[in-house]
Amino acid sequence: MNNKLWQSLVNAWKIPDLRTKLLFTAAMIAIYRFGTHVPTPGVDLAALQKFFDAGGAGVIGFLDLFSGGALARVSLFALGIMPYITASIIMQLLTVVIPKLEDLAKEGEQGQKEITKYTRWLTVGLSFVQAIGYLVLFRSQNALPNLNVARGALIVAALVAGAVFVMWLGELITARGIGNGMSIIIFISIVSRIPSGAAKLVTMNIVTIILFLVIALAVVVGVIWITTGERRVPVQYAKRVVGRRMMGGTSTFIPLKVNMAGVIPVIFASSMMMIVPTFTQFLGTGGIAGWFQRTLGPSTFIFIILEAVLIIIFTYFYTAVTFNPIDQADNLKKYGGFVPGVRPGRPTAEYLDRILTRLTLPGALFLAALAVLPWLMSRTLNVPFYFGGTSLLIVVGVALDTMRQMEAQLLMRHYEGFLK
């Protein structure tokens, strides 16, 4: 297996266009990591570091995970990719409820360009609001000495520009690199925190370390099993005469995955759940804001349960967006295909929808269980939060998706892929 993997890597490197995509992705990642260490002007990092070290960051400490530590350093990329993810979530939800956006989504590439343009502008707006919120927070921690209007405007402009630049990097990776740019950036952000987390882990007792490693290994195996699991629906194509040739008569299948939505529901649910706690963090610890922090903070039981419920909802929602049983049934009928024992047309659509609904349930429950796992581990083993199931799901899921894209490139050139 190892020999095949290394041989596949060698084959991938031999292909000029695939090598170019790999190098381009690596270059974009290097630029992103460099930007996470470029400080924003006018911020007293020593005063802010005391705030993080004292454990007072709360929600902000959780958001720091998805920025790869850039938020704790208040770098130019402190906002990270989260404003773009939040904007994408809002646009997908609006596409369902606003007829004009729904019509744009059905117009193909041109309509998608318009939706992407709206998403970008919404990202700028969300970044601006979030940057002002951080400005208020940093000022409350005495991290902004000699603050005035001009200096405040400079800090906000720097943070917004950094968020837009990260969005641009993600789109470049998607268009010209390997993998989904948004997922790749989150993947790199989480992986960059592993060394510091491992340093904290080795300070624990040996029993805790062994138990944690066993749980982490079980989660990785479970993620791979659920991510690659699929139900193959058999499809038969009838024979037909085209000119003087006999066409059709072949058998194939429709692969319905257990987790067709991948890591997107987890990312979406985490982003949605962080909206209210993030804004209440800026309002202090008293009154209604303090009650929200104590009741719906990232470490509370209610927060974890709501996040799990949102993951289940988003799993079904994103699966419905990516796979339309009615369109699939119409395409089968158009090209003379049918599912054995099921009538073409509407009965086939209902049959596929019933299978997909039942198949998505275990995948959604598994994703929800991974959201609860970090909370349980922090209560029992006292391990770093970013070693939880959600982070492992994102890391493993993005790695598998990237490998699949590379494998597709290899198979197009008759090389054996990674997953053989």
Protein backbone atom coordinates (compact mmCIF):
# COMPACT_ATOMS: atom_id res chain seq x y z
CA MET A 1 0.00 0.00 0.00
CA ASN A 2 2.81 2.41 0.91
CA ASN A 3 4.67 1.58 -2.30
CA LYS A 4 1.52 2.30 -4.35
CA LEU A 5 1.01 5.59 -2.53
CA TRP A 6 4.57 6.73 -3.15
CA GLN A 7 4.37 5.59 -6.78
CA SER A 8 1.15 7.58 -7.20
CA LEU A 9 2.87 10.67 -5.77
CA VAL A 10 5.74 10.18 -8.21
CA ASN A 11 3.27 9.78 -11.11
CA ALA A 12 1.41 12.93 -10.03
CA TRP A 13 4.66 14.88 -10.01
CA LYS A 14 5.49 13.67 -13.53
CA ILE A 15 2.33 15.23 -15.01
CA PRO A 16 3.16 18.86 -15.91
CA ASP A 17 -0.29 20.41 -15.38
CA LEU A 18 -0.89 18.50 -12.13
CA ARG A 19 2.58 19.47 -10.90
CA THR A 20 1.75 23.09 -11.71
CA LYS A 21 -1.49 22.87 -9.71
CA LEU A 22 0.31 21.35 -6.73
CA LEU A 23 3.01 24.02 -6.77
CA PHE A 24 0.41 26.76 -7.17
CA THR A 25 -1.59 25.44 -4.19
CA ALA A 26 1.58 25.25 -2.10
CA ALA A 27 2.46 28.83 -3.05
CA MET A 28 -0.99 30.10 -2.04
CA ILE A 29 -0.73 28.25 1.27
CA ALA A 30 2.70 29.80 1.90
CA ILE A 31 1.30 33.27 1.21
CA TYR A 32 -1.60 32.62 3.58
CA ARG A 33 0.65 31.41 6.39
CA PHE A 34 2.96 34.38 5.87
CA GLY A 35 0.00 36.75 6.14
CA THR A 36 -1.09 35.20 9.44
CA HIS A 37 2.17 36.45 10.97
CA VAL A 38 2.10 40.01 9.61
CA PRO A 39 0.85 42.18 12.51
CA THR A 40 -1.85 44.81 12.16
CA PRO A 41 -0.42 48.29 12.90
CA GLY A 42 -1.39 50.05 16.10
CA VAL A 43 -2.17 47.02 18.32
CA ASP A 44 -0.40 46.28 21.61
CA LEU A 45 0.18 42.54 21.21
CA ALA A 46 1.57 42.11 24.74
CA ALA A 47 -1.64 43.39 26.35
CA LEU A 48 -3.79 41.26 24.06
CA GLN A 49 -1.70 38.16 24.68
CA LYS A 50 -2.37 38.50 28.42
CA PHE A 51 -6.08 38.45 27.60
CA PHE A 52 -5.74 35.20 25.66
CA ASP A 53 -3.38 33.57 28.18
CA ALA A 54 -5.75 34.38 31.05
CA GLY A 55 -8.50 32.37 29.34
CA GLY A 56 -10.76 35.38 28.93
CA ALA A 57 -10.99 35.07 25.16
CA GLY A 58 -13.92 32.64 25.27
CA VAL A 59 -15.58 32.74 21.86
CA ILE A 60 -12.63 34.63 20.39
CA GLY A 61 -10.31 31.80 21.41
CA PHE A 62 -12.55 29.37 19.54
CA LEU A 63 -12.53 31.55 16.40
CA ASP A 64 -8.75 31.73 16.64
CA LEU A 65 -8.66 28.04 15.71
CA PHE A 66 -10.13 28.68 12.25
CA SER A 67 -7.70 31.54 11.62
CA GLY A 68 -4.63 29.42 12.41
CA GLY A 69 -3.64 31.60 15.38
CA ALA A 70 -3.84 34.80 13.32
CA LEU A 71 -6.53 36.29 15.56
CA ALA A 72 -4.44 35.93 18.73
CA ARG A 73 -1.60 37.69 16.90
CA VAL A 74 -4.02 40.26 15.39
CA SER A 75 -2.38 39.79 12.01
CA LEU A 76 -3.65 41.09 8.69
CA PHE A 77 -5.47 37.76 8.19
CA ALA A 78 -7.04 37.80 11.67
CA LEU A 79 -10.59 37.50 10.26
CA GLY A 80 -9.54 34.48 8.20
CA ILE A 81 -11.94 32.76 5.83
CA MET A 82 -14.93 32.81 8.22
CA PRO A 83 -16.61 35.99 6.79
CA TYR A 84 -16.58 34.37 3.35
CA ILE A 85 -18.01 31.12 4.74
CA THR A 86 -20.76 33.00 6.58
CA ALA A 87 -21.58 34.97 3.43
CA SER A 88 -21.75 31.73 1.42
CA ILE A 89 -24.16 30.24 3.97
CA ILE A 90 -26.41 33.30 3.86
CA MET A 91 -26.45 33.31 0.04
CA GLN A 92 -27.32 29.62 -0.13
CA LEU A 93 -30.20 30.13 2.29
CA LEU A 94 -31.40 33.21 0.37
CA THR A 95 -31.25 31.25 -2.89
CA VAL A 96 -33.93 28.94 -1.52
CA VAL A 97 -36.30 31.70 -0.35
CA ILE A 98 -35.75 34.48 -2.96
CA PRO A 99 -37.10 33.57 -6.44
CA LYS A 100 -34.69 35.92 -8.27
CA LEU A 101 -31.64 34.25 -6.73
CA GLU A 102 -33.15 30.83 -7.39
CA ASP A 103 -33.55 31.74 -11.08
CA LEU A 104 -29.92 32.89 -11.17
CA ALA A 105 -28.80 29.57 -9.68
CA LYS A 106 -30.59 27.75 -12.52
CA GLU A 107 -28.94 29.83 -15.25
CA GLY A 108 -25.73 27.85 -15.07
CA GLU A 109 -22.29 29.43 -15.13
CA GLN A 110 -23.47 32.98 -15.81
CA GLY A 111 -25.98 32.92 -12.96
CA GLN A 112 -23.38 31.45 -10.63
CA LYS A 113 -21.05 34.35 -11.45
CA GLU A 114 -23.73 36.80 -10.32
CA ILE A 115 -24.29 34.89 -7.06
CA THR A 116 -20.53 34.80 -6.48
CA LYS A 117 -20.39 38.57 -6.97
CA TYR A 118 -23.13 39.08 -4.35
CA THR A 119 -21.29 36.71 -2.00
CA ARG A 120 -18.09 38.72 -2.33
CA TRP A 121 -19.81 42.01 -1.50
CA LEU A 122 -21.58 40.39 1.44
CA THR A 123 -18.18 39.14 2.64
CA VAL A 124 -16.87 42.71 2.59
CA GLY A 125 -19.86 43.90 4.63
CA LEU A 126 -19.54 41.12 7.21
CA SER A 127 -15.78 41.69 7.46
CA PHE A 128 -16.36 45.39 8.11
CA VAL A 129 -18.86 44.68 10.91
CA GLN A 130 -16.63 42.02 12.46
CA ALA A 131 -13.54 44.25 12.26
CA ILE A 132 -15.37 47.04 14.13
CA GLY A 133 -16.42 44.50 16.75
CA TYR A 134 -12.82 43.41 17.27
CA LEU A 135 -11.80 47.06 17.48
CA VAL A 136 -14.24 47.54 20.36
CA LEU A 137 -12.96 44.37 22.06
CA PHE A 138 -9.28 45.28 21.69
CA ARG A 139 -9.97 48.74 23.09
CA SER A 140 -11.70 47.25 26.14
CA GLN A 141 -8.53 45.21 26.82
CA ASN A 142 -6.27 48.28 26.58
CA ALA A 143 -4.64 46.78 23.49
CA LEU A 144 -5.05 49.95 21.40
CA PRO A 145 -2.91 52.74 22.88
CA ASN A 146 -3.51 56.29 21.65
CA LEU A 147 -6.57 55.22 19.64
CA ASN A 148 -8.16 57.89 17.47
CA VAL A 149 -10.42 57.93 14.42
CA ALA A 150 -7.59 57.72 11.91
CA ARG A 151 -5.85 54.84 13.69
CA GLY A 152 -9.13 52.98 14.17
CA ALA A 153 -9.98 53.38 10.49
CA LEU A 154 -6.52 52.03 9.58
CA ILE A 155 -6.99 48.92 11.74
CA VAL A 156 -10.47 48.22 10.36
CA ALA A 157 -9.29 48.76 6.77
CA ALA A 158 -6.34 46.41 7.32
CA LEU A 159 -8.53 43.64 8.74
CA VAL A 160 -11.14 43.97 5.98
CA ALA A 161 -8.45 43.99 3.29
CA GLY A 162 -6.91 40.87 4.84
CA ALA A 163 -10.26 39.04 4.82
CA VAL A 164 -10.85 39.96 1.16
CA PHE A 165 -7.33 38.81 0.28
CA VAL A 166 -7.90 35.45 2.02
CA MET A 167 -11.17 35.09 0.09
CA TRP A 168 -9.25 35.75 -3.13
CA LEU A 169 -6.62 33.14 -2.20
CA GLY A 170 -9.35 30.57 -1.59
CA GLU A 171 -10.97 31.26 -4.96
CA LEU A 172 -7.58 31.04 -6.70
CA ILE A 173 -6.91 27.63 -5.14
CA THR A 174 -10.33 26.39 -6.24
CA ALA A 175 -9.89 27.68 -9.79
CA ARG A 176 -6.21 26.95 -10.47
CA GLY A 177 -5.05 24.60 -7.71
CA ILE A 178 -6.02 21.26 -6.17
CA GLY A 179 -9.08 20.97 -3.91
CA ASN A 180 -11.66 23.40 -2.57
CA GLY A 181 -9.90 26.63 -1.60
CA MET A 182 -12.16 27.38 1.37
CA SER A 183 -11.65 23.91 2.81
CA ILE A 184 -7.91 23.95 2.14
CA ILE A 185 -7.45 27.20 4.08
CA ILE A 186 -9.41 25.87 7.07
CA PHE A 187 -7.43 22.61 6.83
CA ILE A 188 -4.11 24.49 6.96
CA SER A 189 -5.35 26.65 9.85
CA ILE A 190 -6.24 23.60 11.95
CA VAL A 191 -3.10 21.65 11.07
CA SER A 192 -0.92 24.63 11.99
CA ARG A 193 -2.19 24.37 15.58
CA ILE A 194 -1.28 20.68 15.97
CA PRO A 195 2.36 21.22 17.12
CA SER A 196 1.34 23.51 20.01
CA GLY A 197 -1.51 21.15 20.89
CA ALA A 198 0.83 18.16 20.85
CA ALA A 199 3.19 20.03 23.18
CA LYS A 200 0.34 20.44 25.67
CA LEU A 201 -0.72 16.82 25.23
CA VAL A 202 2.67 15.37 26.18
CA THR A 203 2.47 17.13 29.55
CA MET A 204 -0.48 14.92 30.56
CA ASN A 205 -0.23 11.51 32.20
CA ILE A 206 0.43 8.44 30.07
CA VAL A 207 -3.06 6.95 30.55
CA THR A 208 -4.72 10.11 29.24
CA ILE A 209 -2.37 10.24 26.25
CA ILE A 210 -3.04 6.60 25.32
CA LEU A 211 -6.81 7.01 25.74
CA PHE A 212 -6.78 10.14 23.62
CA LEU A 213 -4.76 8.48 20.84
CA VAL A 214 -7.16 5.52 20.79
CA ILE A 215 -10.17 7.87 20.51
CA ALA A 216 -8.46 9.95 17.82
CA LEU A 217 -7.62 6.82 15.80
CA ALA A 218 -11.20 5.55 16.14
CA VAL A 219 -12.52 8.93 14.94
CA VAL A 220 -10.21 8.93 11.92
CA VAL A 221 -11.29 5.39 10.98
CA GLY A 222 -14.94 6.35 11.45
CA VAL A 223 -14.57 9.49 9.33
CA ILE A 224 -12.95 7.52 6.48
CA TRP A 225 -15.61 4.80 6.72
CA ILE A 226 -18.54 7.24 6.65
CA THR A 227 -16.96 9.51 4.02
CA THR A 228 -16.23 6.68 1.58
CA GLY A 229 -19.38 4.65 2.30
CA GLU A 230 -21.98 4.60 -0.48
CA ARG A 231 -25.11 2.81 -1.69
CA ARG A 232 -24.93 1.78 -5.34
CA VAL A 233 -28.33 1.93 -7.02
CA PRO A 234 -28.29 -0.34 -10.13
CA VAL A 235 -29.28 1.25 -13.46
CA GLN A 236 -30.05 -0.61 -16.69
CA TYR A 237 -30.06 1.04 -20.12
CA ALA A 238 -32.44 -0.36 -22.72
CA LYS A 239 -31.18 -1.33 -26.16
CA ARG A 240 -32.01 1.08 -28.98
CA VAL A 241 -31.08 1.45 -32.64
CA VAL A 242 -29.24 4.62 -33.64
CA GLY A 243 -28.68 4.62 -37.40
CA ARG A 244 -27.23 1.19 -38.14
CA ARG A 245 -25.79 0.67 -34.67
CA MET A 246 -27.30 -0.97 -31.62
CA MET A 247 -26.81 1.25 -28.58
CA GLY A 248 -27.48 0.66 -24.89
CA GLY A 249 -28.06 -2.59 -23.09
CA THR A 250 -25.40 -1.80 -20.50
CA SER A 251 -25.61 -1.86 -16.70
CA THR A 252 -24.19 0.74 -14.33
CA PHE A 253 -25.06 2.28 -10.98
CA ILE A 254 -25.75 5.58 -9.22
CA PRO A 255 -23.42 6.04 -6.22
CA LEU A 256 -25.33 7.58 -3.29
CA LYS A 257 -22.89 8.46 -0.52
CA VAL A 258 -23.67 8.13 3.18
CA ASN A 259 -22.18 11.58 3.73
CA MET A 260 -22.75 13.35 0.42
CA ALA A 261 -22.36 16.80 2.01
CA GLY A 262 -18.82 16.14 3.29
CA VAL A 263 -17.43 18.62 5.85
CA ILE A 264 -19.59 21.53 4.65
CA PRO A 265 -22.41 21.03 7.23
CA VAL A 266 -19.90 21.10 10.10
CA ILE A 267 -18.26 24.29 8.82
CA PHE A 268 -21.65 25.92 8.18
CA ALA A 269 -23.07 24.95 11.57
CA SER A 270 -19.96 26.15 13.42
CA SER A 271 -20.13 29.48 11.59
CA MET A 272 -23.84 29.98 12.32
CA MET A 273 -23.48 29.07 15.99
CA MET A 274 -20.64 31.55 16.45
CA ILE A 275 -22.57 34.59 15.17
CA VAL A 276 -24.50 35.43 18.39
CA PRO A 277 -21.69 34.55 20.87
CA THR A 278 -19.23 36.61 18.81
CA PHE A 279 -21.30 39.78 18.94
CA THR A 280 -22.22 39.32 22.62
CA GLN A 281 -18.50 39.01 23.39
CA PHE A 282 -18.07 42.60 22.22
CA LEU A 283 -20.80 43.86 24.58
CA GLY A 284 -19.08 42.87 27.82
CA THR A 285 -20.00 40.31 30.48
CA GLY A 286 -22.99 42.00 32.11
CA GLY A 287 -26.72 42.03 31.37
CA ILE A 288 -28.17 40.12 28.45
CA ALA A 289 -24.75 39.75 26.79
CA GLY A 290 -23.37 38.05 29.89
CA TRP A 291 -26.38 35.74 30.07
CA PHE A 292 -25.86 34.71 26.44
CA GLN A 293 -22.19 34.00 27.07
CA ARG A 294 -22.96 31.84 30.10
CA THR A 295 -25.84 30.02 28.37
CA LEU A 296 -24.70 29.78 24.74
CA GLY A 297 -20.92 29.92 25.05
CA PRO A 298 -18.88 27.39 23.00
CA SER A 299 -18.24 25.26 26.11
CA THR A 300 -21.90 25.04 27.25
CA PHE A 301 -24.10 21.99 26.83
CA ILE A 302 -26.87 23.95 25.06
CA PHE A 303 -24.38 25.28 22.50
CA ILE A 304 -23.16 21.77 21.68
CA ILE A 305 -26.69 20.37 21.32
CA LEU A 306 -27.82 23.25 19.08
CA GLU A 307 -24.71 22.83 16.95
CA ALA A 308 -25.44 19.11 16.57
CA VAL A 309 -29.03 19.85 15.52
CA LEU A 310 -27.82 22.45 13.00
CA ILE A 311 -25.33 19.94 11.57
CA ILE A 312 -28.15 17.44 10.96
CA ILE A 313 -30.30 20.14 9.32
CA PHE A 314 -27.45 21.41 7.14
CA THR A 315 -26.54 17.84 6.12
CA TYR A 316 -30.01 17.25 4.71
CA PHE A 317 -30.14 20.77 3.23
CA TYR A 318 -26.78 20.54 1.46
CA THR A 319 -27.52 17.00 0.24
CA ALA A 320 -30.80 18.24 -1.26
CA VAL A 321 -28.91 21.09 -2.97
CA THR A 322 -26.19 18.86 -4.47
CA PHE A 323 -28.41 15.93 -5.53
CA ASN A 324 -31.85 16.41 -7.09
CA PRO A 325 -33.72 13.08 -7.45
CA ILE A 326 -36.21 14.61 -9.94
CA ASP A 327 -33.46 15.79 -12.29
CA GLN A 328 -31.66 12.46 -11.94
CA ALA A 329 -34.83 10.53 -12.80
CA ASP A 330 -35.53 12.80 -15.80
CA ASN A 331 -32.00 12.29 -17.13
CA LEU A 332 -32.29 8.53 -16.78
CA LYS A 333 -35.62 8.54 -18.64
CA LYS A 334 -34.23 10.80 -21.38
CA TYR A 335 -31.33 8.45 -22.14
CA GLY A 336 -33.30 5.22 -21.81
CA GLY A 337 -32.10 4.25 -18.36
CA PHE A 338 -34.17 2.77 -15.56
CA VAL A 339 -33.79 1.25 -12.11
CA PRO A 340 -34.77 -2.45 -12.25
CA GLY A 341 -38.18 -2.99 -10.65
CA VAL A 342 -39.02 0.75 -10.59
CA ARG A 343 -41.02 2.60 -13.23
CA PRO A 344 -39.24 5.52 -14.96
CA GLY A 345 -40.13 9.12 -14.16
CA ARG A 346 -41.72 10.18 -10.90
CA PRO A 347 -41.61 6.69 -9.24
CA THR A 348 -37.84 6.61 -9.84
CA ALA A 349 -37.46 10.08 -8.30
CA GLU A 350 -39.45 9.01 -5.23
CA TYR A 351 -37.40 5.82 -4.97
CA LEU A 352 -34.09 7.71 -5.09
CA ASP A 353 -35.37 10.32 -2.63
CA ARG A 354 -36.45 7.62 -0.17
CA ILE A 355 -33.06 5.89 -0.34
CA LEU A 356 -31.19 9.18 0.01
CA THR A 357 -33.27 10.27 3.01
CA ARG A 358 -32.59 7.03 4.86
CA LEU A 359 -28.94 6.98 3.82
CA THR A 360 -28.27 10.56 4.94
CA LEU A 361 -29.58 9.96 8.48
CA PRO A 362 -26.61 7.87 9.78
CA GLY A 363 -24.17 10.27 8.12
CA ALA A 364 -25.87 13.29 9.74
CA LEU A 365 -25.95 11.59 13.16
CA PHE A 366 -22.27 10.73 12.83
CA LEU A 367 -21.39 14.35 12.06
CA ALA A 368 -23.49 15.51 15.02
CA ALA A 369 -21.73 13.01 17.31
CA LEU A 370 -18.37 14.41 16.22
CA ALA A 371 -19.57 17.88 17.24
CA VAL A 372 -20.38 16.59 20.75
CA LEU A 373 -17.10 14.68 21.09
CA PRO A 374 -14.83 17.73 21.77
CA TRP A 375 -17.13 18.83 24.60
CA LEU A 376 -17.00 15.35 26.17
CA MET A 377 -13.23 15.13 25.79
CA SER A 378 -12.69 18.58 27.32
CA ARG A 379 -14.81 17.53 30.30
CA THR A 380 -13.21 14.10 30.82
CA LEU A 381 -9.65 14.24 29.43
CA ASN A 382 -9.03 18.00 29.51
CA VAL A 383 -7.44 17.91 26.05
CA PRO A 384 -7.10 20.93 23.73
CA PHE A 385 -10.42 21.71 22.04
CA TYR A 386 -9.02 21.73 18.53
CA PHE A 387 -8.15 18.04 18.83
CA GLY A 388 -11.86 17.24 18.85
CA GLY A 389 -13.89 15.26 16.34
CA THR A 390 -14.94 18.30 14.31
CA SER A 391 -11.33 19.27 13.60
CA LEU A 392 -10.40 15.70 12.74
CA LEU A 393 -13.42 15.48 10.43
CA ILE A 394 -12.37 18.61 8.56
CA VAL A 395 -8.74 17.50 8.31
CA VAL A 396 -9.51 13.95 7.16
CA GLY A 397 -12.42 15.02 4.93
CA VAL A 398 -10.40 17.69 3.12
CA ALA A 399 -7.46 15.31 2.74
CA LEU A 400 -9.69 12.62 1.19
CA ASP A 401 -11.38 15.12 -1.13
CA THR A 402 -8.03 16.46 -2.31
CA MET A 403 -6.74 12.94 -2.89
CA ARG A 404 -9.84 12.13 -4.94
CA GLN A 405 -9.26 15.12 -7.18
CA MET A 406 -5.64 14.12 -7.68
CA GLU A 407 -6.73 10.54 -8.36
CA ALA A 408 -9.16 11.75 -11.02
CA GLN A 409 -6.31 13.60 -12.72
CA LEU A 410 -4.16 10.45 -12.60
CA LEU A 411 -6.88 8.16 -13.92
CA MET A 412 -7.45 10.49 -16.87
CA ARG A 413 -3.87 9.65 -17.85
CA HIS A 414 -4.18 5.91 -17.09
CA TYR A 415 -2.16 6.02 -13.89
CA GLU A 416 -3.25 4.09 -10.80
CA GLY A 417 -4.74 6.39 -8.16
CA PHE A 418 -4.16 6.89 -4.42
CA LEU A 419 -7.24 5.04 -3.16
CA LYS A 420 -6.62 1.67 -4.81
